[in-house]
Amino acid sequence: LPERALHWLRTLLKYKLPPGRTLELGCAHGGFVALMQWAGFHATGLELSPWVVDFAHRTFDVPMLLGKLEDQQIAPGSFDVIALMDVMEHLPDPVGTMRRSLELLKPDGMLLIQTPRHIEGRTHEQMLASSDPFLEQLKAIQHLYLFSETSIRELFRRLGAEQLAFEPAIFAHYDMFVAVSRVPLPSHAPEAVVKALTATPGGRLVLALIDADASYREARLRIPALEAQLRA
């Protein structure tokens, strides 16, 4: 919650403000779904395992769907946002699942995706020689499809969603983080985000978390200078 989910939420709020309907595929314990709910979204999670669905219900009391996205009875144009965090690389049919995801989005809806990023032009031999962190993502059976920025652009171009905005990934040494839409993505000013979050009690709590995280990250940037002063 205080690390990955908050990082994802800051980027989500840059492009979409509450209220709105969101769905997270492969949401695991449901923490990001809960955070989106607190921020003012009507958020739902989806998982393949009945045990995980029950765990998310018990842990964060969030709405959950069970099973593959393609098997859900959801009306087209239902969601403002569909998020996939460390999910796309596991999909046996990424084209089919992304096509269905785009069908379920409103015309101005967006996908928010975190997935491993292959650096183009770098061979396997070169990665081995440099102990490239991307080698960790070469997981047989688990990671079925891995993308570069060019290939993920091409995937969504073929699906009619050509508006991509790449954002800093929380694990930037091997991941990419991208917002995808059929239409140009807006960019909300920090003042608009604050206004949207202060409209609800849960949103004010989320704003406090974001502010505390900003203070924490600022403090971490000051640590090297403080250590140098201490040594002196």
Protein backbone atom coordinates (compact mmCIF):
# COMPACT_ATOMS: atom_id res chain seq x y z
CA LEU A 1 0.00 0.00 0.00
CA PRO A 2 2.55 2.69 0.92
CA GLU A 3 4.86 1.80 -1.97
CA ARG A 4 3.52 0.27 -5.18
CA ALA A 5 -0.19 1.07 -4.79
CA LEU A 6 0.47 4.70 -3.91
CA HIS A 7 2.84 5.04 -6.87
CA TRP A 8 0.19 3.61 -9.20
CA LEU A 9 -2.52 5.85 -7.77
CA ARG A 10 -0.51 9.04 -8.27
CA THR A 11 -0.22 8.22 -11.97
CA LEU A 12 -3.87 7.21 -12.25
CA LEU A 13 -4.94 10.55 -10.76
CA LYS A 14 -2.80 12.39 -13.31
CA TYR A 15 -5.08 11.08 -16.07
CA LYS A 16 -8.39 10.21 -14.36
CA LEU A 17 -10.09 11.87 -11.40
CA PRO A 18 -12.78 10.34 -9.19
CA PRO A 19 -15.57 9.49 -9.35
CA GLY A 20 -15.37 6.84 -12.06
CA ARG A 21 -15.48 3.07 -12.45
CA THR A 22 -12.21 1.14 -12.26
CA LEU A 23 -11.28 -2.53 -12.55
CA GLU A 24 -7.96 -4.12 -11.60
CA LEU A 25 -7.13 -7.43 -13.29
CA GLY A 26 -5.02 -9.76 -11.16
CA CYS A 27 -5.49 -7.54 -8.10
CA ALA A 28 -4.11 -10.12 -5.60
CA HIS A 29 -4.94 -9.02 -2.02
CA GLY A 30 -6.98 -6.05 -3.27
CA GLY A 31 -4.92 -3.28 -1.69
CA PHE A 32 -4.82 -1.10 -4.82
CA VAL A 33 -8.55 -1.66 -5.33
CA ALA A 34 -9.15 -0.46 -1.77
CA LEU A 35 -6.93 2.59 -2.29
CA MET A 36 -8.86 3.52 -5.44
CA GLN A 37 -12.11 3.15 -3.47
CA TRP A 38 -10.83 5.42 -0.70
CA ALA A 39 -9.85 7.98 -3.35
CA GLY A 40 -13.47 8.07 -4.57
CA PHE A 41 -13.54 5.58 -7.46
CA HIS A 42 -16.07 2.77 -7.78
CA ALA A 43 -13.35 0.11 -7.85
CA THR A 44 -13.55 -3.65 -8.40
CA GLY A 45 -10.90 -6.36 -8.53
CA LEU A 46 -10.65 -9.59 -10.52
CA GLU A 47 -8.74 -12.77 -9.72
CA LEU A 48 -8.63 -16.35 -11.02
CA SER A 49 -8.35 -18.08 -7.63
CA PRO A 50 -11.37 -18.45 -5.31
CA TRP A 51 -8.95 -18.42 -2.36
CA VAL A 52 -7.46 -15.07 -3.44
CA VAL A 53 -10.92 -13.58 -4.06
CA ASP A 54 -11.96 -14.59 -0.54
CA PHE A 55 -8.70 -13.21 0.89
CA ALA A 56 -9.27 -9.83 -0.80
CA HIS A 57 -12.83 -9.75 0.53
CA ARG A 58 -11.65 -10.46 4.07
CA THR A 59 -8.56 -8.23 3.98
CA PHE A 60 -9.84 -5.07 2.27
CA ASP A 61 -13.60 -5.65 1.89
CA VAL A 62 -13.51 -4.82 -1.82
CA PRO A 63 -15.86 -5.98 -4.63
CA MET A 64 -14.28 -8.91 -6.48
CA LEU A 65 -14.92 -10.85 -9.69
CA LEU A 66 -13.81 -14.47 -10.06
CA GLY A 67 -12.47 -15.92 -13.31
CA LYS A 68 -11.12 -14.76 -16.65
CA LEU A 69 -12.05 -11.31 -17.90
CA GLU A 70 -13.39 -12.83 -21.12
CA ASP A 71 -15.89 -14.91 -19.09
CA GLN A 72 -17.38 -11.98 -17.16
CA GLN A 73 -20.83 -10.66 -18.04
CA ILE A 74 -19.90 -6.98 -18.23
CA ALA A 75 -21.50 -4.46 -20.57
CA PRO A 76 -19.20 -2.78 -23.09
CA GLY A 77 -18.19 0.76 -22.19
CA SER A 78 -18.52 0.15 -18.45
CA PHE A 79 -15.17 1.35 -17.08
CA ASP A 80 -13.12 4.52 -16.98
CA VAL A 81 -9.93 2.62 -16.09
CA ILE A 82 -8.73 -0.98 -16.25
CA ALA A 83 -5.42 -1.62 -14.49
CA LEU A 84 -3.01 -4.53 -14.99
CA MET A 85 -0.05 -4.52 -12.64
CA ASP A 86 2.44 -7.31 -13.38
CA VAL A 87 -0.30 -9.22 -15.20
CA MET A 88 0.18 -8.69 -18.94
CA GLU A 89 3.32 -10.85 -19.10
CA HIS A 90 1.33 -13.82 -17.73
CA LEU A 91 -1.56 -13.66 -20.22
CA PRO A 92 -1.80 -16.64 -22.61
CA ASP A 93 -3.59 -14.40 -25.14
CA PRO A 94 -2.55 -10.78 -24.54
CA VAL A 95 -4.14 -9.61 -27.80
CA GLY A 96 -7.51 -11.14 -26.93
CA THR A 97 -7.50 -9.93 -23.34
CA MET A 98 -6.45 -6.41 -24.32
CA ARG A 99 -9.09 -6.34 -27.05
CA ARG A 100 -11.75 -7.30 -24.48
CA SER A 101 -10.37 -4.75 -22.01
CA LEU A 102 -10.66 -1.97 -24.59
CA GLU A 103 -14.24 -3.04 -25.36
CA LEU A 104 -15.10 -2.65 -21.67
CA LEU A 105 -13.68 0.88 -21.49
CA LYS A 106 -15.69 4.02 -22.11
CA PRO A 107 -14.67 5.88 -25.30
CA ASP A 108 -12.26 8.05 -23.29
CA GLY A 109 -11.27 5.26 -20.90
CA MET A 110 -7.71 4.09 -20.35
CA LEU A 111 -5.62 1.08 -19.47
CA LEU A 112 -2.90 1.44 -16.84
CA ILE A 113 -0.22 -1.22 -17.28
CA GLN A 114 2.96 -2.22 -15.45
CA THR A 115 4.93 -4.95 -17.21
CA PRO A 116 8.59 -5.88 -17.78
CA ARG A 117 10.40 -3.77 -20.39
CA HIS A 118 12.87 -5.33 -22.76
CA ILE A 119 15.56 -2.88 -23.86
CA GLU A 120 15.55 -3.00 -27.66
CA GLY A 121 18.72 -4.01 -29.46
CA ARG A 122 20.19 -5.78 -26.46
CA THR A 123 20.94 -9.44 -27.13
CA HIS A 124 20.76 -12.23 -24.61
CA GLU A 125 24.53 -12.54 -24.68
CA GLN A 126 24.93 -8.85 -23.92
CA MET A 127 22.47 -9.12 -21.04
CA LEU A 128 24.38 -12.05 -19.59
CA ALA A 129 27.70 -10.22 -19.91
CA SER A 130 26.36 -7.17 -18.06
CA SER A 131 24.17 -9.08 -15.53
CA ASP A 132 21.20 -7.14 -16.87
CA PRO A 133 18.32 -7.03 -14.33
CA PHE A 134 15.91 -7.90 -17.15
CA LEU A 135 17.27 -11.46 -17.00
CA GLU A 136 15.14 -11.89 -13.86
CA GLN A 137 12.07 -11.59 -16.08
CA LEU A 138 12.96 -14.60 -18.25
CA LYS A 139 10.75 -16.95 -16.23
CA ALA A 140 9.74 -20.13 -18.02
CA ILE A 141 6.02 -20.99 -17.83
CA GLN A 142 5.23 -17.82 -15.82
CA HIS A 143 6.17 -14.98 -18.20
CA LEU A 144 4.68 -15.90 -21.55
CA TYR A 145 5.03 -12.56 -23.39
CA LEU A 146 7.55 -9.80 -22.78
CA PHE A 147 7.42 -6.42 -24.51
CA SER A 148 9.62 -3.52 -25.52
CA GLU A 149 8.23 -0.01 -25.88
CA THR A 150 8.04 -0.51 -29.65
CA SER A 151 6.23 -3.83 -29.48
CA ILE A 152 3.67 -2.65 -26.93
CA ARG A 153 2.98 0.39 -29.11
CA GLU A 154 2.48 -1.92 -32.08
CA LEU A 155 0.16 -4.21 -30.10
CA PHE A 156 -2.17 -1.35 -29.18
CA ARG A 157 -1.90 0.26 -32.62
CA ARG A 158 -3.35 -2.92 -34.07
CA LEU A 159 -6.14 -2.76 -31.48
CA GLY A 160 -7.00 0.85 -32.29
CA ALA A 161 -5.56 2.44 -29.13
CA GLU A 162 -2.63 4.53 -30.31
CA GLN A 163 -2.39 7.04 -27.46
CA LEU A 164 0.34 5.80 -25.09
CA ALA A 165 2.00 7.75 -22.29
CA PHE A 166 5.02 6.12 -20.64
CA GLU A 167 5.44 7.04 -16.98
CA PRO A 168 8.30 6.34 -14.55
CA ALA A 169 8.00 2.76 -13.27
CA ILE A 170 8.53 2.06 -9.59
CA PHE A 171 11.04 -0.63 -10.59
CA ALA A 172 12.44 1.24 -13.57
CA HIS A 173 15.52 -0.99 -13.95
CA TYR A 174 13.35 -3.71 -15.52
CA ASP A 175 9.72 -2.48 -15.77
CA MET A 176 7.72 -0.07 -17.86
CA PHE A 177 4.58 1.75 -16.76
CA VAL A 178 2.22 3.00 -19.43
CA ALA A 179 -1.22 4.57 -19.83
CA VAL A 180 -3.09 3.54 -22.99
CA SER A 181 -6.15 5.13 -24.58
CA ARG A 182 -7.98 5.47 -27.88
CA VAL A 183 -8.07 9.25 -27.47
CA PRO A 184 -5.45 11.78 -26.31
CA LEU A 185 -4.86 11.47 -22.59
CA PRO A 186 -5.57 14.51 -20.41
CA SER A 187 -3.10 15.63 -17.76
CA HIS A 188 -4.68 16.98 -14.59
CA ALA A 189 -2.87 19.68 -12.64
CA PRO A 190 -1.97 18.94 -8.99
CA GLU A 191 -4.59 21.49 -7.91
CA ALA A 192 -7.32 19.51 -9.71
CA VAL A 193 -6.17 16.30 -8.02
CA VAL A 194 -6.30 17.96 -4.59
CA LYS A 195 -9.78 19.33 -5.29
CA ALA A 196 -11.06 15.90 -6.35
CA LEU A 197 -9.57 14.12 -3.32
CA THR A 198 -10.79 16.64 -0.75
CA ALA A 199 -14.37 16.07 -1.94
CA THR A 200 -14.72 12.88 0.14
CA PRO A 201 -13.52 11.67 3.56
CA GLY A 202 -11.67 8.74 2.01
CA GLY A 203 -10.10 11.03 -0.56
CA ARG A 204 -8.76 13.28 2.20
CA LEU A 205 -7.14 10.24 3.80
CA VAL A 206 -5.53 9.33 0.47
CA LEU A 207 -4.31 12.91 0.02
CA ALA A 208 -2.65 12.68 3.45
CA LEU A 209 -0.91 9.45 2.36
CA ILE A 210 0.30 11.11 -0.85
CA ASP A 211 1.60 14.12 1.07
CA ALA A 212 3.37 11.91 3.61
CA ASP A 213 4.95 9.90 0.79
CA ALA A 214 6.18 13.11 -0.89
CA SER A 215 7.80 14.20 2.39
CA TYR A 216 9.40 10.78 2.79
CA ARG A 217 10.85 10.83 -0.75
CA GLU A 218 12.15 14.38 -0.25
CA ALA A 219 13.83 13.29 2.98
CA ARG A 220 15.50 10.35 1.24
CA LEU A 221 17.00 12.74 -1.32
CA ARG A 222 18.57 14.72 1.54
CA ILE A 223 20.19 11.68 3.17
CA PRO A 224 23.46 11.70 1.12
CA ALA A 225 24.09 15.38 1.97
CA LEU A 226 23.35 14.75 5.64
CA GLU A 227 25.69 11.73 5.68
CA ALA A 228 28.43 13.87 4.12
CA GLN A 229 27.95 16.51 6.84
CA LEU A 230 28.14 13.83 9.52
CA ARG A 231 31.37 12.45 8.07
CA ALA A 232 32.85 15.95 7.93
